[in-house]
Amino acid sequence: MTDTPGPGWTLLDWLDHRAATTPHREAWTFDLPGAGTTRLDWAEVARRSTSYAAGLGERGVGAGDRVAVMLGNTPETPLLWFALMRLGAA
């Protein structure tokens, strides 16, 4: 990966670049009925997805593994996707 975003960058490259260059800029907002609004900045997305990856790795999930995911429309869903990407799992 180069320091300049462009062709060849993975989704994780983009995430980590945004977390490094604009850490406190809002990445996304979830408005969930009955649960309120959750806002995550790029630094928090990177931190949480890395933490989820560590937890999954401790439980034996690794590169090439396939993981079934059953989550609703919550912030944890894309965070888990990023975590699985960090591990090389699908």
C-alpha atoms as a PDB file:
ATOM      1  CA  MET A   1       0.000   0.000   0.000  1.00  0.00           C
ATOM      2  CA  THR A   2       1.223   3.492  -0.816  1.00  0.00           C
ATOM      3  CA  ASP A   3       0.419   6.623   1.184  1.00  0.00           C
ATOM      4  CA  THR A   4      -1.863   7.878  -1.569  1.00  0.00           C
ATOM      5  CA  PRO A   5      -5.288   6.242  -1.961  1.00  0.00           C
ATOM      6  CA  GLY A   6      -5.871   4.689  -5.330  1.00  0.00           C
ATOM      7  CA  PRO A   7      -6.122   1.536  -7.397  1.00  0.00           C
ATOM      8  CA  GLY A   8      -5.017  -1.593  -5.610  1.00  0.00           C
ATOM      9  CA  TRP A   9      -6.149  -0.397  -2.199  1.00  0.00           C
ATOM     10  CA  THR A  10      -8.385  -2.747  -0.269  1.00  0.00           C
ATOM     11  CA  LEU A  11     -11.371  -1.688   1.772  1.00  0.00           C
ATOM     12  CA  LEU A  12      -9.229  -2.118   4.889  1.00  0.00           C
ATOM     13  CA  ASP A  13      -6.529   0.104   3.377  1.00  0.00           C
ATOM     14  CA  TRP A  14      -9.148   2.808   2.921  1.00  0.00           C
ATOM     15  CA  LEU A  15     -10.501   2.356   6.446  1.00  0.00           C
ATOM     16  CA  ASP A  16      -7.062   2.526   8.051  1.00  0.00           C
ATOM     17  CA  HIS A  17      -6.119   5.530   5.902  1.00  0.00           C
ATOM     18  CA  ARG A  18      -9.260   7.406   6.973  1.00  0.00           C
ATOM     19  CA  ALA A  19      -8.657   6.468  10.609  1.00  0.00           C
ATOM     20  CA  ALA A  20      -5.111   7.854  10.360  1.00  0.00           C
ATOM     21  CA  THR A  21      -5.886  11.020   8.396  1.00  0.00           C
ATOM     22  CA  THR A  22      -9.361  12.009   9.628  1.00  0.00           C
ATOM     23  CA  PRO A  23      -9.855  10.019  12.843  1.00  0.00           C
ATOM     24  CA  HIS A  24     -12.634  12.154  14.311  1.00  0.00           C
ATOM     25  CA  ARG A  25     -14.629  12.609  11.134  1.00  0.00           C
ATOM     26  CA  GLU A  26     -17.946  10.772  11.202  1.00  0.00           C
ATOM     27  CA  ALA A  27     -17.807   7.481   9.319  1.00  0.00           C
ATOM     28  CA  TRP A  28     -21.452   6.513   9.615  1.00  0.00           C
ATOM     29  CA  THR A  29     -24.670   7.005  11.539  1.00  0.00           C
ATOM     30  CA  PHE A  30     -27.184   4.351  12.533  1.00  0.00           C
ATOM     31  CA  ASP A  31     -30.709   5.459  13.423  1.00  0.00           C
ATOM     32  CA  LEU A  32     -32.385   2.484  15.044  1.00  0.00           C
ATOM     33  CA  PRO A  33     -36.039   2.580  16.101  1.00  0.00           C
ATOM     34  CA  GLY A  34     -36.239   2.338  19.857  1.00  0.00           C
ATOM     35  CA  ALA A  35     -32.460   2.364  20.264  1.00  0.00           C
ATOM     36  CA  GLY A  36     -31.620   5.901  19.221  1.00  0.00           C
ATOM     37  CA  THR A  37     -28.747   7.104  17.080  1.00  0.00           C
ATOM     38  CA  THR A  38     -25.236   5.696  17.033  1.00  0.00           C
ATOM     39  CA  ARG A  39     -22.483   7.737  15.401  1.00  0.00           C
ATOM     40  CA  LEU A  40     -19.045   6.293  14.786  1.00  0.00           C
ATOM     41  CA  ASP A  41     -15.981   8.182  13.619  1.00  0.00           C
ATOM     42  CA  TRP A  42     -13.213   6.576  11.561  1.00  0.00           C
ATOM     43  CA  ALA A  43     -10.952   6.023  14.572  1.00  0.00           C
ATOM     44  CA  GLU A  44     -13.726   4.212  16.437  1.00  0.00           C
ATOM     45  CA  VAL A  45     -14.539   2.027  13.422  1.00  0.00           C
ATOM     46  CA  ALA A  46     -10.876   1.031  13.147  1.00  0.00           C
ATOM     47  CA  ARG A  47     -10.540   0.474  16.913  1.00  0.00           C
ATOM     48  CA  ARG A  48     -13.687  -1.626  17.245  1.00  0.00           C
ATOM     49  CA  SER A  49     -13.078  -3.723  14.148  1.00  0.00           C
ATOM     50  CA  THR A  50      -9.528  -4.427  15.346  1.00  0.00           C
ATOM     51  CA  SER A  51     -10.864  -5.379  18.773  1.00  0.00           C
ATOM     52  CA  TYR A  52     -13.493  -7.682  17.256  1.00  0.00           C
ATOM     53  CA  ALA A  53     -10.789  -9.275  15.082  1.00  0.00           C
ATOM     54  CA  ALA A  54      -8.648  -9.905  18.153  1.00  0.00           C
ATOM     55  CA  GLY A  55     -11.553 -11.539  19.965  1.00  0.00           C
ATOM     56  CA  LEU A  56     -12.403 -13.733  17.002  1.00  0.00           C
ATOM     57  CA  GLY A  57      -8.745 -14.641  16.558  1.00  0.00           C
ATOM     58  CA  GLU A  58      -8.536 -15.710  20.212  1.00  0.00           C
ATOM     59  CA  ARG A  59     -11.459 -18.036  19.505  1.00  0.00           C
ATOM     60  CA  GLY A  60      -9.628 -19.645  16.605  1.00  0.00           C
ATOM     61  CA  VAL A  61     -10.964 -17.716  13.612  1.00  0.00           C
ATOM     62  CA  GLY A  62      -8.227 -17.184  11.049  1.00  0.00           C
ATOM     63  CA  ALA A  63      -7.365 -16.693   7.406  1.00  0.00           C
ATOM     64  CA  GLY A  64      -9.501 -18.737   5.051  1.00  0.00           C
ATOM     65  CA  ASP A  65     -12.153 -19.534   7.641  1.00  0.00           C
ATOM     66  CA  ARG A  66     -15.806 -19.071   6.778  1.00  0.00           C
ATOM     67  CA  VAL A  67     -17.960 -17.465   9.448  1.00  0.00           C
ATOM     68  CA  ALA A  68     -21.752 -17.417   9.495  1.00  0.00           C
ATOM     69  CA  VAL A  69     -23.126 -14.064  10.634  1.00  0.00           C
ATOM     70  CA  MET A  70     -26.652 -13.430  11.866  1.00  0.00           C
ATOM     71  CA  LEU A  71     -26.971  -9.826  12.963  1.00  0.00           C
ATOM     72  CA  GLY A  72     -29.589  -7.177  12.442  1.00  0.00           C
ATOM     73  CA  ASN A  73     -29.098  -3.730  10.974  1.00  0.00           C
ATOM     74  CA  THR A  74     -26.779  -2.523  13.746  1.00  0.00           C
ATOM     75  CA  PRO A  75     -23.322  -0.945  13.870  1.00  0.00           C
ATOM     76  CA  GLU A  76     -21.892  -4.332  14.832  1.00  0.00           C
ATOM     77  CA  THR A  77     -22.686  -5.807  11.401  1.00  0.00           C
ATOM     78  CA  PRO A  78     -20.221  -3.764   9.302  1.00  0.00           C
ATOM     79  CA  LEU A  79     -17.751  -3.742  12.197  1.00  0.00           C
ATOM     80  CA  LEU A  80     -17.785  -7.532  12.128  1.00  0.00           C
ATOM     81  CA  TRP A  81     -17.278  -7.530   8.347  1.00  0.00           C
ATOM     82  CA  PHE A  82     -14.187  -5.374   8.802  1.00  0.00           C
ATOM     83  CA  ALA A  83     -12.991  -7.649  11.621  1.00  0.00           C
ATOM     84  CA  LEU A  84     -13.325 -10.717   9.403  1.00  0.00           C
ATOM     85  CA  MET A  85     -11.420  -8.932   6.641  1.00  0.00           C
ATOM     86  CA  ARG A  86      -8.636  -8.120   9.104  1.00  0.00           C
ATOM     87  CA  LEU A  87      -8.327 -11.845   9.835  1.00  0.00           C
ATOM     88  CA  GLY A  88      -8.555 -12.917   6.207  1.00  0.00           C
ATOM     89  CA  ALA A  89     -11.752 -14.819   6.988  1.00  0.00           C
ATOM     90  CA  ALA A  90     -14.955 -14.734   4.979  1.00  0.00           C
END
